Amino acid sequence: MKPTAFAAALALTLPFLAAAPASAETSTQDFVNKAAMSDMFEIQSGNLAAKKAEHEDVQDFGEEMVEDHSKTTEDLKALVKDEDIKATLPSALDEAHKAKLDKLNSASGAAFDKTYVPMQVTAHEAAVSMFEGYAKSGDNDALKEWAGDTLPALKEHLKEAKALKTEIGKPAKTAEADDEAMDDKTMAEKVTEETDVNGTEDQAMDEKPTPPAFKYVTQQAPTDWTAQALIGKTVLNTSGQTLGEINNVILNEKGKVVAVTIGVGGFLGLGEKDVGVPFDALKFRSEEAMEKKAEAGSNDETKAEDKTAANEAVDTDDASHSDMVVVVDATKEQLAAAPSFVWLGEKAEKAGR
């Protein structure tokens, strides 16, 4: 995968959180902040992709992001200075981007690819939306012109990210799977030999410890999700519009998942608020099912059809459910008008303690 020639066009490529509507007005200060934050994140995450990705094309994509965004960081600084734009550039990643970077840091190989690439698709969709909005109604002529000139490059990168997502979603080759199975068998034999040499057969004759009162959970069911997979997942409504991303998962002391918090409004964490949504209000759908629904139109589903769609969405192979989307039956306006989720520390602060 060769880098595309879009140099100065890419500085504002990848705002990372939920996409703002194309018609939403963005101030010059916000526009510059989002651009700079995007560059910082893309450089750091691109470095991780170049080192940790399993797929060679994903590694190349990461290297491309580092190269282009390093240059466009300087281009953006020069543009702000030359045009005497009254905007302050951020010096470090915000908490939302740090959380995403932590998620990438904790993954490697194929799991990294399945985390990083969908992030790039979502981010490019957000970037196209923001650039269209600013090019149409921005309050700085120089930046408006730049936004308009950049749009073709952004759309090309979105196409490239989507192609990567399709590529890494393909099943592994049979030969590779056979090699992995052989490696597992060899390792098992090695462990068995070492165990025999160390004389654990004698240990087995000793009294076994009393088992605990609970039963161990030995495997993940197809419908089980991890908190790591949920956090950062894009949330759509039933019409396929992006509502935000899951920022956290709330559990009670009995282990029940009570709710998730969804980052609503704002952009790149600026002006965003957390909205608590009950976990049982979430629906899990495959991307294919959502695409079919969009093609078929927005007719109301019956309960039976809804149940069928849920069963169809079950992914039995991917532990992170990377080809699944989270759906909430609500509009952007409804979530924007919802009360903010208040954490305990914030509650005490508001109470004056």
Protein backbone atom coordinates (compact mmCIF):
# COMPACT_ATOMS: atom_id res chain seq x y z
CA MET A 1 0.00 0.00 0.00
CA LYS A 2 1.70 3.22 -1.15
CA PRO A 3 1.05 6.58 0.56
CA THR A 4 -1.30 8.80 -1.39
CA ALA A 5 -0.08 12.27 -2.34
CA PHE A 6 -2.20 14.60 -0.30
CA ALA A 7 0.40 16.27 1.99
CA ALA A 8 -1.26 19.38 3.36
CA ALA A 9 -4.69 17.93 2.72
CA LEU A 10 -4.46 15.36 5.50
CA ALA A 11 -3.81 17.55 8.54
CA LEU A 12 -7.43 17.48 9.55
CA THR A 13 -8.12 13.98 8.35
CA LEU A 14 -9.19 11.95 11.34
CA PRO A 15 -11.21 13.53 14.15
CA PHE A 16 -11.66 10.50 16.34
CA LEU A 17 -15.01 10.51 18.11
CA ALA A 18 -18.61 10.57 16.90
CA ALA A 19 -19.24 12.44 13.69
CA ALA A 20 -20.90 15.83 13.86
CA PRO A 21 -23.69 16.46 11.35
CA ALA A 22 -22.45 17.93 8.09
CA SER A 23 -24.73 20.91 8.60
CA ALA A 24 -23.43 21.69 12.10
CA GLU A 25 -21.44 24.91 12.32
CA THR A 26 -17.95 24.64 13.74
CA SER A 27 -16.02 27.65 15.01
CA THR A 28 -12.47 28.25 13.86
CA GLN A 29 -11.17 27.55 17.37
CA ASP A 30 -12.93 24.17 17.47
CA PHE A 31 -11.87 23.36 13.92
CA VAL A 32 -8.19 24.00 14.69
CA ASN A 33 -8.40 22.12 18.01
CA LYS A 34 -9.93 19.07 16.38
CA ALA A 35 -7.38 19.12 13.58
CA ALA A 36 -4.38 19.31 15.92
CA MET A 37 -5.79 16.63 18.25
CA SER A 38 -6.40 14.40 15.24
CA ASP A 39 -2.81 14.79 14.07
CA MET A 40 -1.39 13.91 17.49
CA PHE A 41 -3.54 10.83 17.79
CA GLU A 42 -2.86 9.64 14.24
CA ILE A 43 0.91 9.95 14.71
CA GLN A 44 0.87 7.98 17.96
CA SER A 45 -1.62 5.33 16.84
CA GLY A 46 0.11 5.07 13.45
CA ASN A 47 3.40 4.30 15.19
CA LEU A 48 1.65 1.53 17.10
CA ALA A 49 0.13 0.14 13.89
CA ALA A 50 3.52 0.09 12.18
CA LYS A 51 4.93 -2.00 15.04
CA LYS A 52 2.03 -4.12 16.31
CA ALA A 53 -0.28 -4.81 13.35
CA GLU A 54 -0.31 -8.32 11.91
CA HIS A 55 -1.43 -7.40 8.38
CA GLU A 56 1.30 -5.82 6.28
CA ASP A 57 -1.13 -3.38 4.67
CA VAL A 58 -2.21 -2.17 8.11
CA GLN A 59 1.43 -1.60 9.00
CA ASP A 60 1.87 0.40 5.79
CA PHE A 61 -1.26 2.41 6.55
CA GLY A 62 0.09 3.25 10.00
CA GLU A 63 3.42 4.38 8.55
CA GLU A 64 1.54 6.51 6.05
CA MET A 65 -0.41 8.20 8.84
CA VAL A 66 2.80 8.98 10.77
CA GLU A 67 4.52 10.45 7.72
CA ASP A 68 1.60 12.56 6.52
CA HIS A 69 0.47 13.81 9.89
CA SER A 70 3.98 14.73 11.01
CA LYS A 71 4.20 17.01 7.97
CA THR A 72 0.68 18.38 8.22
CA THR A 73 1.17 19.20 11.90
CA GLU A 74 3.76 21.72 10.77
CA ASP A 75 1.51 22.87 7.91
CA LEU A 76 -1.34 23.55 10.31
CA LYS A 77 0.91 25.52 12.66
CA ALA A 78 2.14 27.61 9.73
CA LEU A 79 -1.39 28.23 8.47
CA VAL A 80 -2.58 29.39 11.88
CA LYS A 81 0.43 31.70 12.21
CA ASP A 82 0.37 33.13 8.67
CA GLU A 83 -3.36 33.81 8.71
CA ASP A 84 -3.16 35.27 12.23
CA ILE A 85 -5.88 32.90 13.39
CA LYS A 86 -6.79 33.40 17.05
CA ALA A 87 -6.71 29.75 18.12
CA THR A 88 -4.68 27.83 20.70
CA LEU A 89 -3.29 24.47 19.64
CA PRO A 90 -3.57 21.65 22.22
CA SER A 91 -0.30 20.26 23.56
CA ALA A 92 -1.45 16.77 24.59
CA LEU A 93 -4.15 14.20 23.88
CA ASP A 94 -7.44 14.59 25.72
CA GLU A 95 -8.87 11.82 27.91
CA ALA A 96 -11.03 10.39 25.13
CA HIS A 97 -8.06 9.91 22.83
CA LYS A 98 -5.90 8.55 25.64
CA ALA A 99 -8.53 5.88 26.27
CA LYS A 100 -8.46 4.89 22.60
CA LEU A 101 -4.67 4.78 22.61
CA ASP A 102 -4.73 2.60 25.75
CA LYS A 103 -7.04 0.20 23.95
CA LEU A 104 -4.62 -0.03 21.02
CA ASN A 105 -1.67 -0.46 23.39
CA SER A 106 -3.37 -3.46 25.00
CA ALA A 107 -3.92 -5.22 21.66
CA SER A 108 -1.49 -6.84 19.23
CA GLY A 109 -1.46 -8.87 16.03
CA ALA A 110 -4.85 -9.66 14.52
CA ALA A 111 -6.66 -8.19 17.56
CA PHE A 112 -4.85 -4.91 16.98
CA ASP A 113 -5.86 -4.86 13.31
CA LYS A 114 -9.52 -5.46 14.20
CA THR A 115 -9.40 -2.59 16.69
CA TYR A 116 -7.35 -0.05 14.74
CA VAL A 117 -8.88 -0.33 11.28
CA PRO A 118 -12.55 0.16 12.29
CA MET A 119 -11.38 3.20 14.28
CA GLN A 120 -9.93 4.62 11.08
CA VAL A 121 -13.16 4.04 9.16
CA THR A 122 -15.24 5.79 11.82
CA ALA A 123 -12.77 8.64 12.11
CA HIS A 124 -12.63 9.27 8.37
CA GLU A 125 -16.42 9.32 8.19
CA ALA A 126 -16.37 11.92 10.95
CA ALA A 127 -13.67 13.94 9.17
CA VAL A 128 -15.60 14.08 5.91
CA SER A 129 -18.68 15.25 7.78
CA MET A 130 -16.81 17.98 9.65
CA PHE A 131 -14.93 19.24 6.60
CA GLU A 132 -18.10 19.45 4.55
CA GLY A 133 -19.69 21.48 7.31
CA TYR A 134 -16.77 23.88 7.73
CA ALA A 135 -16.18 24.29 4.00
CA LYS A 136 -19.80 25.36 3.73
CA SER A 137 -20.21 27.60 6.77
CA GLY A 138 -16.80 28.11 8.45
CA ASP A 139 -15.93 31.60 9.69
CA ASN A 140 -12.36 31.76 8.31
CA ASP A 141 -11.94 32.02 4.54
CA ALA A 142 -8.47 30.44 4.44
CA LEU A 143 -9.57 27.42 6.45
CA LYS A 144 -12.82 27.14 4.47
CA GLU A 145 -10.86 26.93 1.24
CA TRP A 146 -8.48 24.39 2.77
CA ALA A 147 -11.39 22.28 4.00
CA GLY A 148 -12.93 22.21 0.54
CA ASP A 149 -9.63 21.32 -1.13
CA THR A 150 -9.04 18.53 1.41
CA LEU A 151 -12.36 16.73 1.01
CA PRO A 152 -11.37 14.60 -2.03
CA ALA A 153 -8.31 13.28 -0.16
CA LEU A 154 -10.38 12.51 2.92
CA LYS A 155 -12.86 10.52 0.88
CA GLU A 156 -10.04 8.59 -0.76
CA HIS A 157 -8.59 7.69 2.63
CA LEU A 158 -12.00 6.60 3.83
CA LYS A 159 -12.21 4.29 0.83
CA GLU A 160 -8.76 2.93 1.64
CA ALA A 161 -9.67 2.29 5.30
CA LYS A 162 -12.86 0.49 4.29
CA ALA A 163 -10.89 -1.71 1.90
CA LEU A 164 -8.51 -2.58 4.74
CA LYS A 165 -11.45 -3.48 6.96
CA THR A 166 -12.76 -5.87 4.32
CA GLU A 167 -9.31 -7.39 3.81
CA ILE A 168 -8.60 -8.13 7.46
CA GLY A 169 -12.08 -9.62 7.85
CA LYS A 170 -11.32 -12.45 5.43
CA PRO A 171 -10.81 -15.92 6.96
CA ALA A 172 -7.23 -17.04 7.50
CA LYS A 173 -5.72 -19.45 4.97
CA THR A 174 -6.12 -23.14 5.71
CA ALA A 175 -2.37 -23.72 5.54
CA GLU A 176 -1.76 -21.09 8.18
CA ALA A 177 -4.44 -22.61 10.39
CA ASP A 178 -2.80 -26.02 10.01
CA ASP A 179 0.56 -24.54 11.00
CA GLU A 180 -0.97 -22.98 14.11
CA ALA A 181 -2.63 -26.26 15.05
CA MET A 182 0.69 -28.06 14.64
CA ASP A 183 2.41 -25.46 16.81
CA ASP A 184 -0.21 -25.97 19.53
CA LYS A 185 0.28 -29.74 19.36
CA THR A 186 4.06 -29.40 19.56
CA MET A 187 3.79 -27.07 22.52
CA ALA A 188 1.41 -29.43 24.30
CA GLU A 189 3.84 -32.32 23.83
CA LYS A 190 6.68 -30.17 25.12
CA VAL A 191 4.75 -29.17 28.22
CA THR A 192 3.83 -32.82 28.85
CA GLU A 193 7.48 -33.91 28.59
CA GLU A 194 8.66 -31.12 30.91
CA THR A 195 5.93 -31.95 33.42
CA ASP A 196 6.97 -35.60 33.50
CA VAL A 197 10.64 -34.68 33.98
CA ASN A 198 9.79 -32.38 36.86
CA GLY A 199 8.04 -35.24 38.63
CA THR A 200 4.56 -33.80 39.00
CA GLU A 201 3.19 -37.33 38.82
CA ASP A 202 4.25 -37.66 42.44
CA GLN A 203 2.51 -34.38 43.25
CA ALA A 204 -0.73 -35.68 41.74
CA MET A 205 -0.74 -38.34 44.44
CA ASP A 206 -0.96 -35.63 47.09
CA GLU A 207 -4.32 -34.50 48.38
CA LYS A 208 -6.07 -32.15 45.93
CA PRO A 209 -7.21 -28.74 47.23
CA THR A 210 -10.89 -28.36 48.08
CA PRO A 211 -12.66 -26.63 45.15
CA PRO A 212 -14.39 -23.27 45.79
CA ALA A 213 -18.15 -22.95 46.17
CA PHE A 214 -18.52 -21.29 42.76
CA LYS A 215 -18.10 -22.81 39.32
CA TYR A 216 -15.43 -21.51 36.98
CA VAL A 217 -16.40 -19.88 33.70
CA THR A 218 -14.31 -21.70 31.11
CA GLN A 219 -15.20 -20.05 27.81
CA GLN A 220 -16.81 -17.08 26.12
CA ALA A 221 -20.28 -17.64 24.68
CA PRO A 222 -21.07 -16.22 21.22
CA THR A 223 -23.30 -13.55 22.77
CA ASP A 224 -20.82 -12.56 25.52
CA TRP A 225 -19.07 -9.21 25.26
CA THR A 226 -16.02 -7.92 27.08
CA ALA A 227 -15.93 -4.41 28.51
CA GLN A 228 -12.82 -3.81 26.39
CA ALA A 229 -14.77 -4.63 23.21
CA LEU A 230 -17.71 -2.43 24.21
CA ILE A 231 -15.72 0.65 25.20
CA GLY A 232 -15.12 2.71 22.10
CA LYS A 233 -17.84 0.94 20.10
CA THR A 234 -19.85 3.26 17.87
CA VAL A 235 -23.56 3.47 18.72
CA LEU A 236 -26.11 3.86 15.92
CA ASN A 237 -29.84 4.42 15.99
CA THR A 238 -32.30 2.25 14.09
CA SER A 239 -31.94 4.52 11.04
CA GLY A 240 -28.19 3.95 10.91
CA GLN A 241 -27.21 7.43 12.17
CA THR A 242 -24.21 7.71 14.50
CA LEU A 243 -25.20 8.73 18.04
CA GLY A 244 -21.84 8.55 19.79
CA GLU A 245 -19.43 6.04 21.28
CA ILE A 246 -19.53 3.94 24.45
CA ASN A 247 -17.17 5.52 26.98
CA ASN A 248 -17.68 3.19 29.92
CA VAL A 249 -19.60 0.20 31.29
CA ILE A 250 -21.41 0.36 34.65
CA LEU A 251 -21.75 -2.80 36.80
CA ASN A 252 -23.29 -3.22 40.22
CA GLU A 253 -21.86 -5.21 43.15
CA LYS A 254 -23.79 -8.31 42.09
CA GLY A 255 -22.05 -8.35 38.72
CA LYS A 256 -24.98 -7.18 36.65
CA VAL A 257 -24.23 -4.76 33.82
CA VAL A 258 -26.51 -1.86 34.67
CA ALA A 259 -25.76 0.62 31.93
CA VAL A 260 -23.26 2.05 29.50
CA THR A 261 -22.28 5.69 29.17
CA ILE A 262 -22.39 7.09 25.65
CA GLY A 263 -20.40 10.18 24.67
CA VAL A 264 -22.97 12.47 23.06
CA GLY A 265 -22.50 15.74 21.22
CA GLY A 266 -19.27 17.65 20.84
CA PHE A 267 -16.36 16.49 18.78
CA LEU A 268 -13.04 14.94 19.80
CA GLY A 269 -14.20 15.18 23.39
CA LEU A 270 -14.84 18.93 23.15
CA GLY A 271 -18.28 19.78 24.53
CA GLU A 272 -19.16 16.09 24.86
CA LYS A 273 -21.29 14.77 27.71
CA ASP A 274 -21.87 11.26 29.04
CA VAL A 275 -25.42 9.92 28.83
CA GLY A 276 -26.29 6.78 30.81
CA VAL A 277 -28.30 4.26 28.78
CA PRO A 278 -29.66 1.03 30.36
CA PHE A 279 -27.84 -1.99 29.06
CA ASP A 280 -31.09 -3.74 28.15
CA ALA A 281 -31.85 -0.85 25.78
CA LEU A 282 -28.91 -1.88 23.59
CA LYS A 283 -29.36 -4.11 20.57
CA PHE A 284 -26.50 -5.87 18.80
CA ARG A 285 -26.62 -6.19 15.04
CA SER A 286 -24.20 -7.33 12.35
CA GLU A 287 -23.01 -4.69 9.91
CA GLU A 288 -24.48 -6.82 7.12
CA ALA A 289 -27.92 -6.79 8.78
CA MET A 290 -27.82 -3.01 9.17
CA GLU A 291 -26.81 -2.56 5.54
CA LYS A 292 -29.65 -4.80 4.38
CA LYS A 293 -32.11 -2.84 6.48
CA ALA A 294 -30.87 0.45 5.03
CA GLU A 295 -31.26 -0.90 1.51
CA ALA A 296 -34.76 -2.20 2.26
CA GLY A 297 -35.94 1.12 3.73
CA SER A 298 -36.99 2.25 7.18
CA ASN A 299 -40.18 0.17 7.63
CA ASP A 300 -41.03 -0.75 11.23
CA GLU A 301 -39.87 -4.21 12.32
CA THR A 302 -42.12 -6.64 14.10
CA LYS A 303 -40.97 -8.26 17.33
CA ALA A 304 -40.46 -11.55 15.52
CA GLU A 305 -38.31 -9.88 12.87
CA ASP A 306 -36.35 -8.10 15.58
CA LYS A 307 -35.64 -11.40 17.33
CA THR A 308 -34.56 -12.99 14.05
CA ALA A 309 -32.17 -10.12 13.36
CA ALA A 310 -30.66 -10.49 16.81
CA ASN A 311 -30.04 -14.19 16.29
CA GLU A 312 -28.57 -13.54 12.87
CA ALA A 313 -26.17 -11.04 14.43
CA VAL A 314 -24.50 -13.58 16.73
CA ASP A 315 -20.80 -13.88 15.88
CA THR A 316 -19.40 -17.25 16.93
CA ASP A 317 -15.76 -16.67 15.96
CA ASP A 318 -14.68 -13.12 16.82
CA ALA A 319 -14.14 -12.55 20.54
CA SER A 320 -14.22 -8.77 20.08
CA HIS A 321 -17.26 -8.81 17.73
CA SER A 322 -15.53 -6.37 15.39
CA ASP A 323 -18.18 -6.82 12.68
CA MET A 324 -21.04 -5.94 15.05
CA VAL A 325 -22.69 -2.61 15.76
CA VAL A 326 -24.56 -1.40 18.83
CA VAL A 327 -28.02 0.02 18.17
CA VAL A 328 -30.17 2.22 20.42
CA ASP A 329 -33.74 3.18 19.55
CA ALA A 330 -33.31 6.94 20.00
CA THR A 331 -32.58 10.03 17.94
CA LYS A 332 -29.62 12.39 18.20
CA GLU A 333 -31.94 15.09 19.47
CA GLN A 334 -33.29 12.85 22.24
CA LEU A 335 -29.82 11.95 23.52
CA ALA A 336 -28.65 15.56 23.24
CA ALA A 337 -31.57 16.59 25.49
CA ALA A 338 -30.93 13.76 27.99
CA PRO A 339 -29.45 14.52 31.44
CA SER A 340 -25.71 14.06 31.81
CA PHE A 341 -24.48 11.01 33.70
CA VAL A 342 -23.03 12.10 37.06
CA TRP A 343 -20.12 10.18 38.56
CA LEU A 344 -19.74 9.92 42.34
CA GLY A 345 -16.80 12.34 42.46
CA GLU A 346 -18.75 14.88 40.44
CA LYS A 347 -21.77 14.42 42.68
CA ALA A 348 -19.74 15.20 45.79
CA GLU A 349 -18.17 18.22 44.10
CA LYS A 350 -21.57 19.61 43.14
CA ALA A 351 -22.76 19.07 46.70
CA GLY A 352 -19.89 21.22 47.95
CA ARG A 353 -18.03 18.41 49.73
